[in-house]
N, C-alpha and C. Protein backbone atom coordinates (compact mmCIF):
# COMPACT_ATOMS: atom_id res chain seq x y z
N MET A 1 -0.04 0.01 38.36
CA MET A 1 -0.40 0.39 37.16
C MET A 1 -1.47 -0.87 36.96
N LEU A 2 -2.54 -0.61 36.40
CA LEU A 2 -3.62 -1.65 36.23
C LEU A 2 -3.53 -2.30 35.16
N THR A 3 -3.22 -3.79 34.56
CA THR A 3 -3.31 -4.21 33.39
C THR A 3 -4.31 -5.20 33.60
N GLU A 4 -5.04 -5.52 34.14
CA GLU A 4 -5.85 -6.43 34.29
C GLU A 4 -7.17 -6.32 35.46
N PHE A 5 -8.34 -6.83 35.02
CA PHE A 5 -9.51 -6.84 35.90
C PHE A 5 -10.62 -7.57 35.48
N GLU A 6 -11.60 -7.74 36.57
CA GLU A 6 -12.88 -8.68 35.93
C GLU A 6 -13.82 -7.74 36.00
N ASP A 7 -14.48 -7.99 34.83
CA ASP A 7 -15.74 -6.89 34.57
C ASP A 7 -16.88 -7.39 35.42
N VAL A 8 -17.66 -6.78 35.27
CA VAL A 8 -19.11 -7.21 35.90
C VAL A 8 -19.72 -8.61 35.54
N SER A 9 -19.70 -8.64 34.34
CA SER A 9 -19.87 -10.52 34.30
C SER A 9 -18.81 -11.54 34.44
N GLY A 10 -18.13 -10.85 35.31
CA GLY A 10 -16.86 -12.15 35.41
C GLY A 10 -15.67 -12.68 34.67
N ASN A 11 -15.73 -11.76 33.35
CA ASN A 11 -14.82 -11.67 32.27
C ASN A 11 -13.45 -11.18 32.96
N ILE A 12 -12.11 -11.91 32.42
CA ILE A 12 -10.87 -10.99 32.91
C ILE A 12 -10.98 -10.32 31.57
N VAL A 13 -10.37 -9.13 31.58
CA VAL A 13 -10.13 -8.00 30.65
C VAL A 13 -8.35 -7.52 31.13
N GLN A 14 -7.77 -8.10 29.97
CA GLN A 14 -6.39 -7.56 30.07
C GLN A 14 -5.76 -6.59 28.99
N PHE A 15 -4.68 -5.74 29.38
CA PHE A 15 -4.21 -5.14 28.37
C PHE A 15 -3.28 -5.81 27.81
N ASP A 16 -2.72 -5.46 26.49
CA ASP A 16 -1.85 -6.09 25.86
C ASP A 16 -0.84 -5.02 25.11
N VAL A 17 0.34 -5.23 25.04
CA VAL A 17 1.32 -4.24 24.71
C VAL A 17 1.23 -4.66 23.03
N ALA A 18 0.93 -6.09 22.60
CA ALA A 18 0.66 -6.38 20.94
C ALA A 18 -0.55 -5.24 20.56
N ASP A 19 -1.62 -4.46 21.49
CA ASP A 19 -2.45 -3.85 20.60
C ASP A 19 -1.90 -2.57 20.28
N LYS A 20 -0.94 -2.25 20.45
CA LYS A 20 -0.36 -0.83 20.18
C LYS A 20 -0.68 0.37 19.88
N GLY A 21 -1.93 0.36 21.24
CA GLY A 21 -2.80 1.36 21.48
C GLY A 21 -4.21 1.37 20.65
N PHE A 22 -4.40 0.33 19.66
CA PHE A 22 -5.42 0.06 19.06
C PHE A 22 -6.43 -0.44 20.05
N TYR A 23 -7.41 0.19 20.03
CA TYR A 23 -8.73 -0.44 21.27
C TYR A 23 -10.18 -0.66 20.44
N PRO A 24 -10.84 -1.75 20.75
CA PRO A 24 -11.07 -2.30 21.81
C PRO A 24 -9.57 -3.43 21.56
N GLY A 25 -8.76 -3.76 22.93
CA GLY A 25 -7.94 -4.51 22.76
C GLY A 25 -8.21 -6.18 22.45
N ILE A 26 -6.87 -6.92 22.05
CA ILE A 26 -7.06 -8.15 21.58
C ILE A 26 -7.83 -9.08 22.90
N LYS A 27 -7.53 -8.46 23.92
CA LYS A 27 -7.90 -9.27 25.19
C LYS A 27 -9.03 -8.23 26.15
N GLY A 28 -9.32 -7.99 25.14
CA GLY A 28 -11.04 -6.83 25.63
C GLY A 28 -10.68 -5.44 26.24
N TRP A 29 -9.43 -5.13 26.24
CA TRP A 29 -9.37 -3.89 26.77
C TRP A 29 -9.48 -2.48 26.28
N THR A 30 -10.48 -1.81 26.88
CA THR A 30 -11.00 -0.63 25.99
C THR A 30 -10.15 0.96 26.31
N SER A 31 -9.05 0.91 26.51
CA SER A 31 -8.48 2.00 26.09
C SER A 31 -6.85 1.73 25.35
N ALA A 32 -6.39 3.13 25.14
CA ALA A 32 -4.97 2.62 24.56
C ALA A 32 -3.61 2.37 25.12
N SER A 33 -4.00 2.49 26.71
CA SER A 33 -3.04 2.13 27.64
C SER A 33 -3.39 1.60 28.66
N PRO A 34 -2.28 1.17 29.58
CA PRO A 34 -2.62 0.34 30.85
C PRO A 34 -3.79 1.47 31.53
N GLY A 35 -4.18 1.27 32.79
CA GLY A 35 -4.91 2.14 33.64
C GLY A 35 -3.83 2.59 34.90
N ASN A 36 -4.25 3.55 35.62
CA ASN A 36 -3.47 3.99 36.59
C ASN A 36 -4.52 4.18 37.87
N VAL A 37 -4.52 3.12 38.94
CA VAL A 37 -5.64 3.43 39.68
C VAL A 37 -5.02 3.62 41.07
N LYS A 38 -5.47 4.22 42.13
CA LYS A 38 -5.39 4.48 43.55
C LYS A 38 -6.24 4.09 44.46
N LEU A 39 -5.72 3.33 45.68
CA LEU A 39 -6.61 2.56 46.58
C LEU A 39 -7.84 3.30 46.60
N TYR A 40 -9.10 2.79 46.79
CA TYR A 40 -10.21 3.10 46.93
C TYR A 40 -10.72 2.06 48.07
N ASP A 41 -10.78 2.39 49.27
CA ASP A 41 -11.72 1.57 50.18
C ASP A 41 -12.95 1.21 50.24
N ARG A 42 -13.25 0.12 49.71
CA ARG A 42 -14.76 0.33 49.52
C ARG A 42 -15.43 -0.43 50.54
N THR A 43 -14.67 -0.93 51.62
CA THR A 43 -15.04 -1.94 52.48
C THR A 43 -15.86 -1.05 53.67
N GLU A 44 -16.80 -2.15 54.21
CA GLU A 44 -17.68 -1.69 55.27
C GLU A 44 -16.99 -0.77 56.74
N SER A 45 -16.23 -1.78 56.66
CA SER A 45 -15.22 -1.02 58.13
C SER A 45 -14.42 0.50 57.58
N ALA A 46 -14.01 0.67 56.43
CA ALA A 46 -13.72 2.01 56.22
C ALA A 46 -14.78 3.01 56.21
N TYR A 47 -15.81 2.58 55.72
CA TYR A 47 -17.33 3.23 55.78
C TYR A 47 -17.83 3.95 57.17
N LEU A 48 -17.83 2.71 57.87
CA LEU A 48 -18.19 2.74 59.62
C LEU A 48 -17.23 3.81 60.23
N ASN A 49 -16.03 3.81 60.05
CA ASN A 49 -15.22 4.54 60.62
C ASN A 49 -14.91 5.80 60.08
N ASP A 50 -15.48 6.23 59.08
CA ASP A 50 -15.31 7.26 58.35
C ASP A 50 -13.97 7.55 57.82
N CYS A 51 -13.70 6.74 57.26
CA CYS A 51 -12.42 6.48 56.66
C CYS A 51 -12.36 7.53 55.17
N SER A 52 -10.84 7.93 54.91
CA SER A 52 -11.45 8.16 53.54
C SER A 52 -11.52 7.13 52.77
N LYS A 53 -12.59 7.18 51.50
CA LYS A 53 -12.66 6.21 50.76
C LYS A 53 -11.78 6.05 49.74
N ALA A 54 -10.85 7.12 49.18
CA ALA A 54 -9.88 7.50 48.36
C ALA A 54 -8.60 7.74 48.80
N ASN A 55 -7.81 7.56 48.21
CA ASN A 55 -6.43 7.95 48.61
C ASN A 55 -5.84 9.41 48.68
N LEU A 56 -6.53 10.19 49.48
CA LEU A 56 -6.10 11.82 49.10
C LEU A 56 -5.12 12.39 49.47
N TYR A 57 -4.23 12.87 49.14
CA TYR A 57 -3.09 13.33 49.98
C TYR A 57 -2.95 14.89 49.51
N MET A 58 -1.92 15.76 50.27
CA MET A 58 -1.64 16.95 49.87
C MET A 58 -0.55 17.25 49.08
N ILE A 59 0.36 16.74 49.74
CA ILE A 59 1.61 16.47 49.12
C ILE A 59 2.12 14.85 49.73
N ARG A 60 3.25 14.05 49.02
CA ARG A 60 3.57 13.03 49.57
C ARG A 60 5.29 13.17 50.31
N TYR A 61 5.33 12.58 51.34
CA TYR A 61 6.56 12.55 51.92
C TYR A 61 7.83 12.16 50.88
N ALA A 62 7.52 11.06 50.30
CA ALA A 62 8.43 10.83 48.75
C ALA A 62 8.67 12.06 47.98
N ASP A 63 7.81 13.03 48.07
CA ASP A 63 8.03 14.10 46.68
C ASP A 63 8.86 15.04 47.85
N VAL A 64 8.72 15.11 49.04
CA VAL A 64 9.57 16.20 50.11
C VAL A 64 11.35 15.46 50.35
N LEU A 65 11.34 14.12 50.02
CA LEU A 65 12.54 13.79 50.06
C LEU A 65 13.43 13.94 48.85
N LEU A 66 12.38 13.49 47.94
CA LEU A 66 13.37 13.94 46.11
C LEU A 66 13.22 14.99 45.67
N ASP A 67 12.50 15.92 46.46
CA ASP A 67 12.68 17.38 46.14
C ASP A 67 14.10 18.22 46.76
N TYR A 68 14.26 17.80 48.23
CA TYR A 68 15.17 18.26 48.98
C TYR A 68 16.49 17.27 48.28
N ALA A 69 16.48 16.27 47.86
CA ALA A 69 17.73 15.52 46.95
C ALA A 69 18.04 16.18 46.30
N GLU A 70 17.09 16.57 45.07
CA GLU A 70 17.14 17.51 44.01
C GLU A 70 17.94 18.80 44.13
N ALA A 71 17.23 19.54 45.31
CA ALA A 71 17.82 20.88 45.24
C ALA A 71 19.14 20.77 45.94
N VAL A 72 19.33 19.94 47.00
CA VAL A 72 20.94 19.93 47.15
C VAL A 72 21.82 19.43 46.38
N ASN A 73 21.50 18.41 45.51
CA ASN A 73 22.37 17.88 44.39
C ASN A 73 22.86 19.45 43.48
N LEU A 74 21.46 20.15 43.05
CA LEU A 74 22.00 21.28 42.61
C LEU A 74 22.96 22.36 42.76
N GLN A 75 22.99 22.37 44.29
CA GLN A 75 23.78 23.36 44.84
C GLN A 75 25.37 22.57 45.10
N ARG A 76 25.22 21.36 45.80
CA ARG A 76 26.56 20.79 46.14
C ARG A 76 26.87 19.61 45.82
N GLY A 77 25.88 19.07 44.71
CA GLY A 77 26.20 17.77 44.27
C GLY A 77 25.57 16.55 45.04
N PRO A 78 25.95 15.31 44.68
CA PRO A 78 25.05 14.28 45.66
C PRO A 78 25.89 14.18 46.91
N THR A 79 25.47 15.16 47.94
CA THR A 79 26.27 14.94 49.61
C THR A 79 25.73 13.46 50.00
N ALA A 80 26.09 13.11 51.02
CA ALA A 80 25.70 12.01 52.26
C ALA A 80 24.09 12.00 52.18
N GLU A 81 23.68 13.27 52.86
CA GLU A 81 22.75 13.47 53.15
C GLU A 81 21.27 13.60 52.13
N ALA A 82 21.71 14.03 51.29
CA ALA A 82 20.74 14.14 49.88
C ALA A 82 20.71 12.62 49.02
N VAL A 83 21.73 11.78 49.46
CA VAL A 83 21.72 10.36 48.88
C VAL A 83 21.08 9.52 49.57
N SER A 84 21.18 10.08 51.03
CA SER A 84 20.21 9.04 51.91
C SER A 84 18.68 9.21 51.92
N LYS A 85 18.29 10.41 51.58
CA LYS A 85 16.76 10.98 51.37
C LYS A 85 16.14 10.30 50.38
N PHE A 86 17.29 10.03 49.06
CA PHE A 86 16.87 9.58 47.86
C PHE A 86 16.50 7.96 48.06
N ASN A 87 17.49 7.37 48.73
CA ASN A 87 17.47 6.13 48.97
C ASN A 87 16.60 5.83 50.14
N GLU A 88 15.95 6.61 50.89
CA GLU A 88 15.07 6.23 51.92
C GLU A 88 13.77 5.93 50.85
N VAL A 89 13.56 6.82 50.18
CA VAL A 89 12.46 6.51 48.69
C VAL A 89 12.57 5.19 48.54
N ARG A 90 13.76 4.70 47.67
CA ARG A 90 13.91 3.53 47.08
C ARG A 90 13.88 2.56 48.33
N GLY A 91 14.18 2.57 49.45
CA GLY A 91 13.81 1.26 50.52
C GLY A 91 12.78 1.10 50.79
N ARG A 92 11.91 2.49 51.02
CA ARG A 92 10.27 2.06 51.23
C ARG A 92 9.92 1.13 50.26
N ALA A 93 10.13 1.54 48.76
CA ALA A 93 9.61 0.56 47.55
C ALA A 93 10.40 -0.68 47.70
N GLY A 94 11.34 -1.01 48.57
CA GLY A 94 11.93 -2.37 48.50
C GLY A 94 13.02 -2.55 47.76
N LEU A 95 13.66 -1.25 47.38
CA LEU A 95 15.03 -1.32 46.37
C LEU A 95 16.24 -1.11 47.09
N ASN A 96 16.99 -1.58 46.16
CA ASN A 96 18.17 -1.24 46.68
C ASN A 96 18.71 0.14 46.76
N SER A 97 19.66 0.32 47.72
CA SER A 97 20.13 1.62 47.67
C SER A 97 21.16 1.99 46.55
N LEU A 98 21.26 3.00 45.79
CA LEU A 98 22.06 3.65 45.29
C LEU A 98 23.09 4.54 45.53
N ILE A 99 24.40 4.34 44.68
CA ILE A 99 25.45 5.51 45.46
C ILE A 99 25.83 6.16 43.97
N PRO A 100 25.15 7.51 43.43
CA PRO A 100 25.66 8.03 42.13
C PRO A 100 27.40 8.70 42.48
N ALA A 101 27.68 8.49 41.18
CA ALA A 101 29.16 9.02 41.12
C ALA A 101 29.50 10.40 40.90
N ASN A 102 28.29 11.30 40.31
CA ASN A 102 28.54 12.63 40.21
C ASN A 102 27.06 13.47 40.29
N ALA A 103 27.27 14.60 40.13
CA ALA A 103 26.02 15.47 40.29
C ALA A 103 24.90 14.93 38.76
N ASN A 104 25.38 14.55 37.72
CA ASN A 104 24.75 14.91 36.52
C ASN A 104 23.95 13.09 36.67
N GLU A 105 24.82 12.56 37.12
CA GLU A 105 24.04 10.87 37.42
C GLU A 105 23.06 11.04 38.59
N PHE A 106 23.23 11.85 39.66
CA PHE A 106 22.28 11.82 40.29
C PHE A 106 20.95 12.52 40.28
N SER A 107 20.99 13.43 39.03
CA SER A 107 20.49 14.02 38.82
C SER A 107 19.29 13.34 37.92
N ASP A 108 19.89 12.40 37.09
CA ASP A 108 19.22 11.04 36.23
C ASP A 108 18.58 10.28 36.76
N LEU A 109 19.15 9.90 38.13
CA LEU A 109 18.49 8.71 39.20
C LEU A 109 17.54 9.33 39.69
N ILE A 110 17.38 10.81 40.27
CA ILE A 110 16.11 11.55 40.88
C ILE A 110 15.01 11.76 39.71
N TYR A 111 15.31 12.03 38.82
CA TYR A 111 14.11 11.84 37.40
C TYR A 111 13.67 10.82 37.40
N GLN A 112 14.59 9.63 37.24
CA GLN A 112 13.95 8.35 37.20
C GLN A 112 12.99 7.83 38.32
N GLU A 113 13.59 8.11 39.49
CA GLU A 113 12.77 7.68 40.65
C GLU A 113 11.61 8.04 40.71
N ARG A 114 11.57 9.41 40.22
CA ARG A 114 10.27 10.10 40.38
C ARG A 114 9.40 10.06 39.45
N GLY A 115 9.75 9.44 38.18
CA GLY A 115 8.92 8.71 37.30
C GLY A 115 8.28 7.78 37.76
N TRP A 116 8.84 6.79 38.51
CA TRP A 116 8.59 5.29 39.02
C TRP A 116 7.63 5.86 40.07
N GLU A 117 7.99 6.66 41.32
CA GLU A 117 7.14 6.85 42.17
C GLU A 117 5.97 7.47 41.97
N PHE A 118 5.90 8.28 41.29
CA PHE A 118 4.83 9.03 41.16
C PHE A 118 3.97 8.83 39.82
N ILE A 119 4.15 7.79 39.14
CA ILE A 119 3.62 7.36 37.93
C ILE A 119 2.21 7.69 38.13
N GLY A 120 1.57 8.41 37.08
CA GLY A 120 0.21 8.50 36.85
C GLY A 120 -0.62 9.82 37.71
N GLU A 121 0.16 10.65 38.34
CA GLU A 121 -0.04 11.67 39.46
C GLU A 121 0.27 13.04 38.98
N GLY A 122 0.67 12.85 37.35
CA GLY A 122 0.93 14.31 36.81
C GLY A 122 1.73 15.28 37.09
N LEU A 123 2.99 14.56 37.53
CA LEU A 123 4.05 15.06 38.02
C LEU A 123 5.43 15.40 36.97
N LEU A 124 5.08 14.35 36.20
CA LEU A 124 6.50 13.77 35.11
C LEU A 124 6.41 15.13 34.19
N TYR A 125 5.45 15.44 33.78
CA TYR A 125 5.58 16.70 32.61
C TYR A 125 6.25 17.89 33.32
N TYR A 126 6.17 18.34 34.42
CA TYR A 126 6.52 19.29 34.94
C TYR A 126 7.96 19.12 35.75
N ASP A 127 8.25 17.79 36.02
CA ASP A 127 9.51 17.34 35.98
C ASP A 127 10.30 17.40 35.28
N ALA A 128 9.82 17.06 33.55
CA ALA A 128 10.77 17.04 32.29
C ALA A 128 10.76 18.63 31.87
N LEU A 129 9.96 19.07 32.29
CA LEU A 129 10.07 20.83 32.04
C LEU A 129 11.22 21.36 32.96
N ARG A 130 11.10 21.50 34.19
CA ARG A 130 11.76 22.03 35.33
C ARG A 130 13.45 21.67 35.06
N THR A 131 13.58 20.41 34.58
CA THR A 131 15.05 19.68 34.37
C THR A 131 15.36 20.01 33.16
N ASP A 132 14.61 20.83 32.00
CA ASP A 132 15.30 20.67 30.92
C ASP A 132 15.39 19.59 30.19
N ARG A 133 14.64 18.17 30.35
CA ARG A 133 14.52 17.14 29.78
C ARG A 133 13.16 17.03 28.68
N ILE A 134 12.37 18.26 28.78
CA ILE A 134 11.38 18.22 28.03
C ILE A 134 11.56 17.96 26.49
N GLY A 135 12.51 18.12 25.70
CA GLY A 135 12.67 18.37 24.59
C GLY A 135 12.70 16.64 23.92
N GLU A 136 13.68 16.02 24.58
CA GLU A 136 14.37 14.82 24.80
C GLU A 136 13.22 13.89 24.88
N LYS A 137 12.44 14.10 25.93
CA LYS A 137 11.29 12.94 26.21
C LYS A 137 10.28 13.28 25.19
N VAL A 138 9.82 14.30 24.97
CA VAL A 138 9.03 14.28 23.83
C VAL A 138 9.25 13.80 22.68
N TYR A 139 10.47 14.14 22.38
CA TYR A 139 10.92 13.89 20.74
C TYR A 139 11.00 12.40 20.78
N ASN A 140 11.69 11.53 21.85
CA ASN A 140 11.92 10.35 21.91
C ASN A 140 10.41 9.41 22.01
N HIS A 141 9.43 9.90 22.44
CA HIS A 141 8.30 9.34 22.79
C HIS A 141 7.30 9.49 21.10
N LEU A 142 7.74 10.51 20.50
CA LEU A 142 6.90 10.63 19.41
C LEU A 142 7.51 9.79 18.26
N LYS A 143 8.99 10.00 18.48
CA LYS A 143 9.71 8.85 17.33
C LYS A 143 9.39 7.60 17.54
N ASN A 144 9.35 7.31 18.75
CA ASN A 144 8.92 5.67 19.04
C ASN A 144 7.61 5.30 18.50
N GLY A 145 6.67 6.14 18.89
CA GLY A 145 5.49 5.91 18.63
C GLY A 145 5.26 5.91 17.17
N ILE A 146 5.90 6.67 16.61
CA ILE A 146 5.56 6.75 15.05
C ILE A 146 6.14 5.40 14.42
N THR A 147 7.76 5.35 14.68
CA THR A 147 8.47 3.84 14.31
C THR A 147 7.62 2.71 14.73
N ASP A 148 7.09 2.74 16.11
CA ASP A 148 6.43 1.36 16.43
C ASP A 148 5.09 1.42 15.86
N GLY A 149 4.46 2.32 15.10
CA GLY A 149 2.91 2.45 14.57
C GLY A 149 2.12 2.39 15.31
N LEU A 150 2.22 2.94 16.61
CA LEU A 150 0.91 2.85 17.45
C LEU A 150 -0.10 3.98 17.16
N TYR A 151 -1.30 3.74 17.74
CA TYR A 151 -2.47 4.14 17.01
C TYR A 151 -2.77 5.71 16.83
N GLN A 152 -2.16 6.33 18.03
CA GLN A 152 -2.26 7.56 17.51
C GLN A 152 -1.33 8.31 16.76
N TYR A 153 -0.40 7.67 16.51
CA TYR A 153 0.53 8.29 15.45
C TYR A 153 0.94 7.97 14.34
N LYS A 154 -0.09 6.80 13.75
CA LYS A 154 -0.16 6.35 12.53
C LYS A 154 -0.46 7.55 11.60
N GLY A 155 0.67 7.36 10.71
CA GLY A 155 0.75 8.50 9.26
C GLY A 155 0.93 9.62 9.81
N GLN A 156 1.48 10.10 11.17
CA GLN A 156 1.77 11.14 11.46
C GLN A 156 3.55 11.47 11.33
N SER A 157 3.78 12.94 12.03
CA SER A 157 5.57 13.29 11.63
C SER A 157 5.48 14.36 12.74
N ILE A 158 6.72 14.07 12.94
CA ILE A 158 6.97 15.00 14.24
C ILE A 158 6.84 16.60 13.94
N GLN A 159 6.00 17.37 14.31
CA GLN A 159 5.87 18.77 14.00
C GLN A 159 6.59 19.85 14.81
N PHE A 160 6.36 19.59 16.27
CA PHE A 160 7.11 20.38 17.23
C PHE A 160 7.60 19.74 18.43
N ILE A 161 8.63 20.46 19.06
CA ILE A 161 9.42 19.74 19.89
C ILE A 161 9.61 20.81 21.26
N PRO A 162 9.05 20.81 22.63
CA PRO A 162 8.97 22.07 23.28
C PRO A 162 10.30 21.84 23.92
N LYS A 163 10.54 23.06 24.39
CA LYS A 163 11.93 23.46 25.16
C LYS A 163 11.59 23.60 26.49
N LYS A 164 12.60 23.99 27.49
CA LYS A 164 11.93 24.45 28.84
C LYS A 164 11.20 25.72 28.68
N THR A 165 11.82 26.56 28.26
CA THR A 165 10.87 27.94 27.92
C THR A 165 9.63 27.68 27.22
N PHE A 166 9.14 26.67 26.95
CA PHE A 166 7.68 26.48 26.65
C PHE A 166 6.26 26.99 27.63
N LEU A 167 5.61 27.91 27.15
CA LEU A 167 4.75 28.47 27.76
C LEU A 167 3.26 28.26 27.02
N TRP A 168 2.28 27.79 27.91
CA TRP A 168 1.16 27.61 27.19
C TRP A 168 0.54 28.74 26.89
N LYS A 169 -0.41 28.92 25.85
CA LYS A 169 -1.26 30.05 25.38
C LYS A 169 -2.42 30.27 26.68
N ILE A 170 -2.53 31.66 26.65
CA ILE A 170 -3.71 32.02 27.83
C ILE A 170 -4.70 31.54 27.14
N PRO A 171 -5.77 31.18 27.46
CA PRO A 171 -7.08 30.50 27.31
C PRO A 171 -7.84 32.20 26.63
N THR A 172 -8.80 32.18 25.47
CA THR A 172 -9.31 33.04 25.42
C THR A 172 -10.06 33.57 25.88
N ALA A 173 -10.95 32.63 27.06
CA ALA A 173 -11.98 33.35 27.66
C ALA A 173 -11.03 34.30 28.83
N ASP A 174 -10.15 33.96 29.17
CA ASP A 174 -9.48 34.61 30.24
C ASP A 174 -8.67 35.73 29.63
N MET A 175 -8.31 36.15 28.47
CA MET A 175 -8.04 37.02 27.42
C MET A 175 -8.98 37.92 27.39
N ASN A 176 -10.05 37.52 27.21
CA ASN A 176 -11.52 38.55 26.76
C ASN A 176 -11.90 39.04 27.97
N SER A 177 -12.01 38.19 29.39
CA SER A 177 -12.20 39.06 30.41
C SER A 177 -11.42 39.98 31.10
N ASN A 178 -9.92 39.81 30.81
CA ASN A 178 -9.16 40.74 31.10
C ASN A 178 -8.22 41.90 30.25
N PRO A 179 -8.73 42.91 29.87
CA PRO A 179 -7.57 43.45 29.08
C PRO A 179 -6.30 43.81 29.35
N ALA A 180 -5.86 43.65 30.47
CA ALA A 180 -4.73 43.99 31.12
C ALA A 180 -3.55 42.72 30.53
N LEU A 181 -4.27 41.84 30.28
CA LEU A 181 -3.33 40.26 29.88
C LEU A 181 -2.66 40.34 28.67
N GLU A 182 -1.42 40.00 28.42
CA GLU A 182 -0.93 39.84 27.16
C GLU A 182 -0.74 38.57 26.90
N GLN A 183 -0.88 37.83 25.62
CA GLN A 183 -0.68 36.63 25.29
C GLN A 183 0.61 36.44 25.45
N ASN A 184 0.77 34.89 25.92
CA ASN A 184 2.22 34.37 25.76
C ASN A 184 2.82 34.21 24.46
N PRO A 185 4.27 34.75 24.29
CA PRO A 185 4.48 34.76 22.66
C PRO A 185 4.52 33.12 22.04
N ASP A 186 4.53 33.12 20.42
CA ASP A 186 4.47 31.59 20.41
C ASP A 186 5.74 31.11 20.39
N ASN A 187 5.56 29.90 20.71
CA ASN A 187 6.72 29.11 21.13
C ASN A 187 7.92 28.54 19.84
N GLU A 188 8.75 28.46 19.90
CA GLU A 188 9.93 27.68 18.83
C GLU A 188 10.16 26.39 19.32
N SER A 189 10.07 25.46 18.19
CA SER A 189 10.81 24.33 18.66
C SER A 189 12.09 24.25 18.88
N ASP A 190 12.34 23.23 19.84
CA ASP A 190 13.80 23.30 20.22
C ASP A 190 14.87 22.79 19.25
N PRO A 191 15.57 23.42 18.94
CA PRO A 191 16.29 23.10 17.72
C PRO A 191 17.16 22.07 17.62
N HIS A 192 17.65 21.58 19.09
CA HIS A 192 18.28 20.31 19.31
C HIS A 192 17.73 19.25 18.44
N PHE A 193 16.54 19.12 18.00
CA PHE A 193 15.74 17.94 17.52
C PHE A 193 15.06 18.04 16.07
N PRO A 194 15.33 17.24 15.36
CA PRO A 194 14.90 17.04 13.82
C PRO A 194 13.17 17.05 14.25
N ILE A 195 12.91 17.89 12.99
CA ILE A 195 10.99 17.82 13.02
C ILE A 195 10.74 17.20 11.46
N GLY A 196 9.44 16.84 11.22
CA GLY A 196 9.24 16.61 9.85
C GLY A 196 9.20 15.16 9.74
């Protein structure tokens, strides 16, 4: 997570939570949230050795371990092997091992670990959808943004909360190019959360 950098003029630019999403920020930050960057090796040796200048991957080992722990937990609960795979990810990050009391607690721990491990990698939405946490997460995010007066929520109210069965609409260009396609039905707001 990037919260500070030196610009081309040598000035230190910092993200400040007090900005509440308004920008430019108090300390010159030019977007509504902290940055998320991966290693980009610009050294001469990386160039000369034809090493990847960017951190590219197909699937991360941590993803495999946490997927395994999640799948086993769904079938048999927090087995010793599943917990071991989960704690392998935590250990690599220098964190203490955790021992979940039951399958629900382990499910919550895995979800949280995935959030920390894959921050900014585009997996959190799919994790929340797959584990039926999407409604709760969206609702709390919107409610907190409105309550805290964050820039993008100023003057807004909650209009829609997705649920696990949420389907995106098929783009018009795709619908027009293939008459055999049927548009996805309209989604209904999750009735567990108040809107308005």
